[in-house]
N, C-alpha and C. Protein backbone atom coordinates (compact mmCIF):
# COMPACT_ATOMS: atom_id res chain seq x y z
N UNK A 1 21.96 -66.71 39.92
CA UNK A 1 23.53 -67.46 39.16
C UNK A 1 22.72 -68.55 40.48
N UNK A 2 23.56 -69.72 39.80
CA UNK A 2 23.11 -71.09 40.72
C UNK A 2 24.54 -71.63 41.88
N UNK A 3 23.84 -71.52 42.53
CA UNK A 3 25.11 -71.93 43.94
C UNK A 3 25.17 -73.58 43.93
N UNK A 4 26.20 -73.66 43.20
CA UNK A 4 26.74 -75.23 42.93
C UNK A 4 26.87 -76.10 44.08
N UNK A 5 28.02 -75.55 44.67
CA UNK A 5 28.18 -75.67 45.93
C UNK A 5 27.63 -76.27 46.89
N UNK A 6 26.40 -74.99 47.54
CA UNK A 6 25.47 -75.11 48.18
C UNK A 6 24.66 -76.68 47.95
N UNK A 7 24.44 -76.79 46.62
CA UNK A 7 23.29 -77.77 45.89
C UNK A 7 23.98 -79.01 46.45
N UNK A 8 25.54 -79.17 46.41
CA UNK A 8 25.91 -80.39 46.57
C UNK A 8 26.37 -80.69 47.73
N UNK A 9 26.58 -79.71 48.99
CA UNK A 9 25.96 -79.87 50.57
C UNK A 9 24.95 -80.36 50.91
N UNK A 10 23.58 -79.47 50.01
CA UNK A 10 22.49 -80.01 50.42
C UNK A 10 21.78 -81.42 50.12
N UNK A 11 22.49 -81.86 49.09
CA UNK A 11 22.36 -83.00 48.41
C UNK A 11 23.18 -83.99 49.26
N UNK A 12 24.02 -83.94 49.73
CA UNK A 12 25.60 -85.15 50.63
C UNK A 12 24.56 -84.93 51.64
N UNK A 13 24.20 -83.92 52.21
CA UNK A 13 23.51 -83.93 54.07
C UNK A 13 21.71 -84.32 53.80
N UNK A 14 21.32 -84.32 52.81
CA UNK A 14 20.06 -85.09 52.39
C UNK A 14 20.26 -86.49 52.61
N UNK A 15 20.92 -86.49 52.10
CA UNK A 15 20.90 -88.23 51.74
C UNK A 15 22.02 -89.07 52.80
N UNK A 16 22.35 -87.93 54.46
CA UNK A 16 23.39 -88.10 55.10
C UNK A 16 24.37 -88.99 54.57
N UNK A 17 25.47 -88.18 54.18
CA UNK A 17 26.51 -88.58 53.49
C UNK A 17 27.94 -87.54 54.09
N UNK A 18 28.99 -88.36 54.65
CA UNK A 18 29.89 -86.75 54.86
C UNK A 18 30.65 -86.69 53.83
N UNK A 19 31.71 -85.76 53.66
CA UNK A 19 32.71 -85.22 53.02
C UNK A 19 33.75 -86.34 52.38
N UNK A 20 33.95 -87.25 53.29
CA UNK A 20 35.11 -88.17 53.51
C UNK A 20 34.20 -89.15 52.49
N UNK A 21 32.82 -89.36 53.02
CA UNK A 21 32.40 -90.38 52.21
C UNK A 21 31.71 -90.16 51.06
N UNK A 22 31.33 -88.95 50.42
CA UNK A 22 31.49 -88.62 49.33
C UNK A 22 32.94 -88.22 48.41
N UNK A 23 33.82 -87.99 49.10
CA UNK A 23 35.08 -88.07 48.72
C UNK A 23 35.66 -89.38 48.11
N UNK A 24 34.96 -90.78 48.77
CA UNK A 24 35.63 -91.91 48.39
C UNK A 24 34.53 -92.37 47.27
N UNK A 25 33.58 -91.88 47.35
CA UNK A 25 32.42 -92.51 46.03
C UNK A 25 33.00 -91.70 44.60
N UNK A 26 33.58 -90.05 45.43
CA UNK A 26 34.03 -89.94 43.69
C UNK A 26 35.85 -90.19 43.20
N UNK A 27 36.22 -90.87 44.16
CA UNK A 27 37.72 -90.96 44.21
C UNK A 27 38.53 -90.09 44.63
N UNK A 28 37.61 -88.78 45.07
CA UNK A 28 38.34 -87.96 45.61
C UNK A 28 39.03 -87.73 47.04
N UNK A 29 39.83 -86.67 47.50
CA UNK A 29 39.64 -86.64 48.86
C UNK A 29 38.62 -85.83 49.17
N UNK A 30 38.45 -85.43 50.65
CA UNK A 30 37.61 -85.24 51.82
C UNK A 30 37.79 -83.77 51.15
N UNK A 31 39.07 -83.27 51.15
CA UNK A 31 39.22 -81.38 50.87
C UNK A 31 38.61 -81.11 49.44
N UNK A 32 38.77 -81.75 48.54
CA UNK A 32 38.70 -81.69 47.48
C UNK A 32 37.21 -81.69 47.80
N UNK A 33 36.24 -82.45 48.10
CA UNK A 33 34.26 -82.08 48.14
C UNK A 33 34.15 -80.80 49.34
N UNK A 34 35.25 -80.27 49.61
CA UNK A 34 35.41 -79.00 50.72
C UNK A 34 35.26 -78.01 49.54
N UNK A 35 36.03 -78.60 48.87
CA UNK A 35 36.19 -77.23 47.11
C UNK A 35 35.36 -77.30 46.78
N UNK A 36 34.61 -78.10 46.03
CA UNK A 36 33.29 -78.08 45.82
C UNK A 36 32.22 -77.16 46.38
N UNK A 37 31.88 -77.50 47.38
CA UNK A 37 30.73 -77.05 48.24
C UNK A 37 31.29 -75.53 48.45
N UNK A 38 32.33 -75.54 48.44
CA UNK A 38 32.48 -74.12 49.02
C UNK A 38 32.76 -73.20 48.15
N UNK A 39 32.50 -73.91 46.79
CA UNK A 39 32.56 -73.12 45.08
C UNK A 39 33.90 -72.39 44.86
N UNK A 40 34.98 -73.36 45.55
CA UNK A 40 36.51 -72.76 45.42
C UNK A 40 37.09 -73.56 43.72
N UNK A 41 36.20 -74.62 44.24
CA UNK A 41 36.61 -75.59 42.40
C UNK A 41 35.69 -75.50 41.69
N UNK A 42 35.36 -75.73 40.38
CA UNK A 42 34.46 -75.98 39.79
C UNK A 42 34.36 -77.76 39.69
N UNK A 43 33.14 -78.08 39.62
CA UNK A 43 32.93 -79.99 39.78
C UNK A 43 33.04 -80.65 38.65
N UNK A 44 34.45 -80.76 37.86
CA UNK A 44 33.84 -81.82 36.96
C UNK A 44 32.60 -82.62 36.79
N UNK A 45 32.46 -82.51 35.26
CA UNK A 45 31.09 -84.08 34.73
C UNK A 45 31.83 -84.90 35.28
N UNK A 46 32.53 -85.38 35.37
CA UNK A 46 32.55 -87.28 35.61
C UNK A 46 32.16 -87.14 37.18
N UNK A 47 32.95 -86.64 37.61
CA UNK A 47 32.22 -86.29 38.95
C UNK A 47 31.09 -86.28 39.48
N UNK A 48 30.26 -85.07 38.81
CA UNK A 48 28.92 -85.04 38.89
C UNK A 48 27.91 -86.60 38.60
N UNK A 49 28.64 -87.11 37.37
CA UNK A 49 28.49 -88.15 36.94
C UNK A 49 28.19 -89.06 37.85
N UNK A 50 29.20 -89.81 38.30
CA UNK A 50 29.15 -90.16 39.84
C UNK A 50 28.33 -90.19 41.49
N UNK A 51 28.45 -89.04 40.96
CA UNK A 51 27.68 -88.49 41.90
C UNK A 51 25.52 -88.55 42.14
N UNK A 52 25.69 -88.14 40.86
CA UNK A 52 24.22 -88.32 40.62
C UNK A 52 23.84 -89.97 40.12
N UNK A 53 25.16 -90.56 40.07
CA UNK A 53 24.80 -92.24 39.85
C UNK A 53 24.54 -93.01 41.09
N UNK A 54 25.31 -92.39 42.05
CA UNK A 54 25.26 -92.52 43.40
C UNK A 54 24.21 -92.26 43.78
N UNK A 55 23.38 -91.43 43.81
CA UNK A 55 22.54 -90.87 44.80
C UNK A 55 20.99 -91.24 43.51
N UNK A 56 21.28 -91.81 42.18
CA UNK A 56 19.78 -91.87 41.91
C UNK A 56 19.35 -90.54 41.15
N UNK A 57 20.22 -89.94 40.45
CA UNK A 57 19.64 -88.23 40.49
C UNK A 57 19.90 -87.86 39.04
N UNK A 58 19.60 -86.56 38.77
CA UNK A 58 19.50 -86.51 36.95
C UNK A 58 20.87 -85.10 37.79
N UNK A 59 22.51 -84.95 36.74
CA UNK A 59 22.67 -84.32 36.62
C UNK A 59 22.07 -82.32 37.15
N UNK A 60 21.22 -82.57 36.19
CA UNK A 60 20.20 -81.21 36.11
C UNK A 60 19.58 -80.95 37.45
N UNK A 61 19.35 -82.50 37.83
CA UNK A 61 18.71 -81.73 39.42
C UNK A 61 19.75 -81.26 40.57
N UNK A 62 20.87 -81.81 40.49
CA UNK A 62 22.46 -81.84 41.16
C UNK A 62 22.58 -80.28 40.79
N UNK A 63 22.26 -79.69 39.64
CA UNK A 63 22.83 -78.41 39.44
C UNK A 63 21.93 -77.50 39.57
N UNK A 64 20.99 -77.91 40.12
CA UNK A 64 19.54 -76.98 40.37
C UNK A 64 18.87 -76.45 39.54
N UNK A 65 18.90 -76.87 38.16
CA UNK A 65 18.31 -76.93 37.12
C UNK A 65 17.15 -77.00 37.07
N UNK A 66 16.30 -78.30 37.52
CA UNK A 66 14.96 -78.53 38.01
C UNK A 66 14.75 -79.18 39.22
N UNK A 67 13.40 -79.63 39.50
CA UNK A 67 13.00 -79.76 40.62
C UNK A 67 13.00 -81.23 39.92
N UNK A 68 12.83 -81.57 39.18
CA UNK A 68 12.67 -83.56 38.69
C UNK A 68 13.97 -84.14 39.19
N UNK A 69 14.13 -85.10 39.99
CA UNK A 69 15.03 -85.31 40.63
C UNK A 69 16.18 -86.52 39.74
N UNK A 70 15.14 -87.52 38.87
CA UNK A 70 15.28 -88.13 37.45
C UNK A 70 14.50 -88.37 36.79
N UNK A 71 15.14 -88.77 35.37
CA UNK A 71 14.37 -89.01 34.15
C UNK A 71 14.18 -90.55 33.94
N UNK A 72 13.16 -90.46 33.40
CA UNK A 72 12.90 -91.89 33.14
C UNK A 72 13.79 -93.32 32.87
N UNK A 73 14.66 -92.11 31.90
CA UNK A 73 16.10 -93.35 30.57
C UNK A 73 16.96 -92.54 31.22
N UNK A 74 17.44 -92.54 32.36
CA UNK A 74 18.57 -91.77 32.84
C UNK A 74 19.56 -93.11 32.53
N UNK A 75 20.73 -92.80 32.45
CA UNK A 75 21.76 -93.64 32.06
C UNK A 75 22.43 -93.26 32.60
N UNK A 76 23.79 -94.81 33.15
CA UNK A 76 24.73 -94.08 34.36
C UNK A 76 25.66 -93.40 33.53
N UNK A 77 26.47 -93.82 32.51
CA UNK A 77 27.61 -93.17 31.99
C UNK A 77 27.43 -92.51 30.93
N UNK A 78 28.85 -91.23 30.71
CA UNK A 78 28.53 -90.03 30.32
C UNK A 78 29.38 -91.53 28.72
N UNK A 79 28.49 -90.53 28.25
CA UNK A 79 28.84 -90.94 26.39
C UNK A 79 29.52 -89.97 25.77
N UNK A 80 30.85 -90.10 25.54
CA UNK A 80 31.61 -89.05 25.08
C UNK A 80 31.57 -88.60 23.95
N UNK A 81 31.13 -90.09 22.54
CA UNK A 81 30.73 -89.99 21.64
C UNK A 81 29.61 -89.12 21.11
N UNK A 82 28.50 -89.53 22.45
CA UNK A 82 27.23 -89.11 22.21
C UNK A 82 27.23 -87.75 21.96
N UNK A 83 28.09 -87.29 23.08
CA UNK A 83 28.59 -85.41 23.90
C UNK A 83 28.98 -85.09 22.37
N UNK A 84 29.45 -85.43 21.73
CA UNK A 84 30.10 -84.96 20.74
C UNK A 84 29.65 -85.03 19.47
N UNK A 85 28.01 -86.21 19.10
CA UNK A 85 26.91 -85.38 18.19
C UNK A 85 25.91 -84.96 19.03
N UNK A 86 25.28 -84.88 19.82
CA UNK A 86 24.90 -83.79 20.83
C UNK A 86 25.42 -82.30 20.84
N UNK A 87 26.97 -82.29 20.79
CA UNK A 87 27.23 -80.73 20.65
C UNK A 87 27.50 -80.50 19.05
N UNK A 88 27.30 -81.26 18.11
CA UNK A 88 27.13 -80.82 16.88
C UNK A 88 25.98 -80.53 16.34
N UNK A 89 24.96 -81.17 17.01
CA UNK A 89 23.59 -80.99 16.91
C UNK A 89 22.84 -79.48 17.65
N UNK A 90 23.38 -78.86 18.79
CA UNK A 90 23.29 -77.60 19.29
C UNK A 90 23.66 -77.04 17.82
N UNK A 91 24.84 -77.23 17.46
CA UNK A 91 25.87 -76.44 16.84
C UNK A 91 24.54 -76.08 15.01
N UNK A 92 24.22 -77.34 14.74
CA UNK A 92 23.25 -77.37 14.15
C UNK A 92 21.90 -76.38 14.17
N UNK A 93 21.15 -76.87 15.13
CA UNK A 93 20.32 -76.30 15.01
C UNK A 93 20.35 -74.34 15.61
N UNK A 94 21.54 -73.85 16.80
CA UNK A 94 22.13 -72.88 16.60
C UNK A 94 22.49 -71.69 15.46
N UNK A 95 22.76 -72.70 14.42
CA UNK A 95 23.36 -72.36 13.35
C UNK A 95 24.62 -71.48 13.75
N UNK A 96 25.52 -72.55 14.41
CA UNK A 96 26.88 -71.73 15.05
C UNK A 96 27.92 -72.73 14.61
N UNK A 97 28.87 -72.18 13.55
CA UNK A 97 30.13 -72.43 13.16
C UNK A 97 30.71 -72.99 15.03
N UNK A 98 32.18 -74.07 14.67
CA UNK A 98 33.17 -74.24 15.83
C UNK A 98 33.23 -72.81 16.08
N UNK A 99 33.59 -71.87 15.36
CA UNK A 99 34.39 -70.71 15.97
C UNK A 99 33.22 -69.86 16.76
N UNK A 100 32.11 -69.51 16.23
CA UNK A 100 30.94 -69.08 16.70
C UNK A 100 30.57 -69.70 18.30
N UNK A 101 30.24 -71.30 17.99
CA UNK A 101 30.42 -71.48 19.43
C UNK A 101 31.75 -71.98 20.21
N UNK A 102 32.74 -71.75 20.18
CA UNK A 102 34.32 -71.01 20.24
C UNK A 102 33.71 -70.03 21.36
N UNK A 103 33.36 -69.12 20.54
CA UNK A 103 33.75 -67.65 21.40
C UNK A 103 31.74 -67.46 22.34
N UNK A 104 30.93 -68.20 22.21
CA UNK A 104 29.93 -68.03 22.73
C UNK A 104 30.65 -68.84 24.51
N UNK A 105 31.46 -70.00 24.00
CA UNK A 105 32.13 -70.37 25.59
C UNK A 105 33.12 -69.73 26.09
N UNK A 106 33.67 -68.86 25.13
CA UNK A 106 34.93 -68.59 25.58
C UNK A 106 36.22 -69.03 25.54
N UNK A 107 36.75 -70.25 24.68
CA UNK A 107 37.43 -71.09 24.15
C UNK A 107 37.93 -71.05 22.56
N UNK A 108 38.45 -72.32 22.59
CA UNK A 108 38.97 -72.02 21.08
C UNK A 108 38.27 -72.99 20.34
N UNK A 109 38.58 -72.84 18.82
CA UNK A 109 37.86 -74.09 18.15
C UNK A 109 37.97 -75.29 18.09
N UNK A 110 39.51 -75.65 18.58
CA UNK A 110 40.38 -76.67 18.69
C UNK A 110 39.88 -77.29 20.15
N UNK A 111 39.14 -76.66 20.34
CA UNK A 111 38.42 -77.46 21.84
C UNK A 111 37.32 -77.29 21.49
N UNK A 112 36.55 -77.10 20.85
CA UNK A 112 35.08 -77.47 20.18
C UNK A 112 35.23 -78.73 19.16
N UNK A 113 36.32 -78.47 18.62
CA UNK A 113 36.21 -79.98 17.50
C UNK A 113 36.86 -81.05 18.50
N UNK A 114 37.68 -81.21 19.20
CA UNK A 114 37.54 -82.03 20.34
C UNK A 114 36.61 -83.01 21.02
N UNK A 115 35.56 -81.15 21.69
CA UNK A 115 34.89 -82.08 21.72
C UNK A 115 33.64 -83.22 20.97
N UNK A 116 33.31 -81.94 20.06
CA UNK A 116 32.52 -83.13 18.93
C UNK A 116 32.96 -84.13 18.57
N UNK A 117 34.54 -84.40 18.92
CA UNK A 117 34.95 -85.51 18.24
C UNK A 117 34.99 -86.82 19.64
N UNK A 118 34.63 -86.33 20.69
CA UNK A 118 34.82 -87.20 21.78
C UNK A 118 35.82 -87.44 22.59
N UNK A 119 36.82 -86.74 21.98
CA UNK A 119 38.09 -86.91 22.36
C UNK A 119 38.34 -86.00 23.88
N UNK A 120 38.19 -84.81 24.29
CA UNK A 120 37.62 -84.47 25.06
C UNK A 120 36.39 -84.44 26.10
N UNK A 121 36.25 -84.56 27.03
CA UNK A 121 34.49 -84.43 27.48
C UNK A 121 34.69 -83.04 28.13
N UNK A 122 33.49 -82.72 27.38
CA UNK A 122 33.01 -81.06 27.78
C UNK A 122 33.30 -81.00 29.59
N UNK A 123 33.77 -79.47 29.83
CA UNK A 123 33.42 -78.54 31.11
C UNK A 123 32.59 -78.84 31.48
N UNK A 124 32.17 -78.77 32.92
CA UNK A 124 30.71 -78.52 33.67
C UNK A 124 30.51 -77.01 33.16
N UNK A 125 31.30 -76.12 33.22
CA UNK A 125 31.23 -74.30 32.70
C UNK A 125 31.10 -74.50 31.56
N UNK A 126 31.32 -75.43 30.79
CA UNK A 126 30.74 -74.85 29.40
C UNK A 126 29.35 -75.35 29.14
N UNK A 127 29.44 -76.58 30.35
CA UNK A 127 27.82 -77.54 29.64
C UNK A 127 26.48 -75.94 30.90
N UNK A 128 26.85 -75.75 31.74
CA UNK A 128 25.89 -74.83 31.90
C UNK A 128 25.81 -73.87 30.99
N UNK A 129 27.12 -73.06 30.64
CA UNK A 129 26.66 -72.46 29.32
C UNK A 129 25.81 -72.31 28.14
N UNK A 130 26.08 -73.74 28.14
CA UNK A 130 24.93 -74.22 27.03
C UNK A 130 23.52 -74.54 26.94
N UNK A 131 23.55 -75.19 27.98
CA UNK A 131 22.21 -75.00 29.00
C UNK A 131 21.71 -73.11 29.27
N UNK A 132 22.18 -72.92 29.84
CA UNK A 132 21.84 -71.07 30.16
C UNK A 132 21.89 -70.35 28.62
N UNK A 133 22.38 -70.63 27.31
CA UNK A 133 22.16 -69.86 26.45
C UNK A 133 21.07 -70.36 25.83
N UNK A 134 20.92 -71.92 25.26
CA UNK A 134 20.17 -72.63 24.34
C UNK A 134 19.37 -73.68 25.17
N UNK A 135 18.85 -73.61 26.76
CA UNK A 135 18.04 -74.32 27.12
C UNK A 135 17.76 -76.21 27.44
N UNK A 136 19.20 -76.51 26.74
CA UNK A 136 19.59 -77.94 26.74
C UNK A 136 19.82 -78.50 28.14
N UNK A 137 19.02 -79.56 28.45
CA UNK A 137 19.26 -80.74 29.52
C UNK A 137 21.19 -80.81 29.13
N UNK A 138 21.78 -80.76 30.27
CA UNK A 138 23.30 -81.36 30.70
C UNK A 138 23.44 -82.65 30.99
N UNK A 139 21.65 -83.49 31.25
CA UNK A 139 22.23 -84.85 30.64
C UNK A 139 22.04 -84.91 29.81
N UNK A 140 21.24 -84.62 28.69
CA UNK A 140 21.43 -84.68 27.01
C UNK A 140 22.18 -84.37 26.77
N UNK A 141 23.07 -83.79 26.93
CA UNK A 141 24.10 -82.99 26.61
C UNK A 141 25.48 -84.15 26.27
N UNK A 142 25.37 -84.78 27.56
CA UNK A 142 26.39 -85.62 27.72
C UNK A 142 25.70 -87.21 27.34
N UNK A 143 24.40 -87.01 27.18
CA UNK A 143 24.38 -88.41 26.34
C UNK A 143 23.39 -89.40 27.86
N UNK A 144 23.29 -88.86 29.01
CA UNK A 144 22.56 -90.21 29.83
C UNK A 144 21.36 -89.75 29.70
N UNK A 145 20.69 -88.93 28.94
CA UNK A 145 19.15 -88.90 28.79
C UNK A 145 18.47 -88.58 27.33
N UNK A 146 17.92 -88.79 26.99
CA UNK A 146 17.34 -88.63 25.59
C UNK A 146 15.93 -87.06 25.82
N UNK A 147 15.64 -86.59 27.25
CA UNK A 147 15.27 -85.61 27.11
C UNK A 147 15.99 -84.68 27.34
N UNK A 148 15.87 -83.56 25.67
CA UNK A 148 16.04 -82.82 25.51
C UNK A 148 16.31 -81.62 25.92
N UNK A 149 15.29 -80.99 26.36
CA UNK A 149 15.16 -80.14 27.27
C UNK A 149 14.48 -80.10 28.98
N UNK A 150 15.19 -79.01 29.59
CA UNK A 150 14.56 -79.49 30.60
C UNK A 150 13.01 -78.79 30.95
N UNK A 151 12.12 -79.85 31.32
CA UNK A 151 10.43 -79.43 31.30
C UNK A 151 10.10 -78.67 32.43
N UNK A 152 10.12 -78.85 33.79
CA UNK A 152 10.46 -78.17 35.10
C UNK A 152 11.00 -77.49 35.69
N UNK A 153 11.09 -76.03 35.53
CA UNK A 153 12.84 -74.80 35.70
C UNK A 153 12.79 -74.84 37.35
N UNK A 154 13.74 -75.18 37.83
CA UNK A 154 14.21 -74.65 39.03
C UNK A 154 13.75 -73.17 39.02
N UNK A 155 12.76 -72.30 39.83
CA UNK A 155 12.57 -70.78 39.58
C UNK A 155 13.40 -70.39 41.16
N UNK A 156 13.62 -71.07 42.12
CA UNK A 156 14.69 -70.21 42.94
C UNK A 156 15.63 -71.61 43.31
N UNK A 157 16.71 -71.06 43.03
CA UNK A 157 17.81 -72.34 44.13
C UNK A 157 17.98 -72.07 45.96
N UNK A 158 17.10 -72.98 46.38
CA UNK A 158 17.46 -73.26 48.01
C UNK A 158 18.89 -73.99 47.82
């Protein structure tokens, strides 16, 4: 399993950034960064996106899903409407109803509907589950790239 906290710390240290500096970039406290790095808390996609934008990296890379640091067409902002469209696409391609997808993600059908309409941004954990189960790029799911699947997979997380 991917140790997201270690990866966040690795990237932060690689780019010579302190926890306090990363906290300012993400508009959170230094202690919140510490919680992310120790895997006490999941990092929200908004914060992953801010981190990705700041360092010029893909979320897929930050999460240790690929060796590719950046997609050529990487956009800076999460597009909630596009995220909803992409979740609809996943349901269509995987032949899943809202109920079936909710069961896959261990959530409610109401939550899936909110994701599909863009009312609620998908949780990081759910985006990771979609990647793990169906092989979609997380950056693609949230509308930051048109690259649908990850070409160079991370074989070993360091």
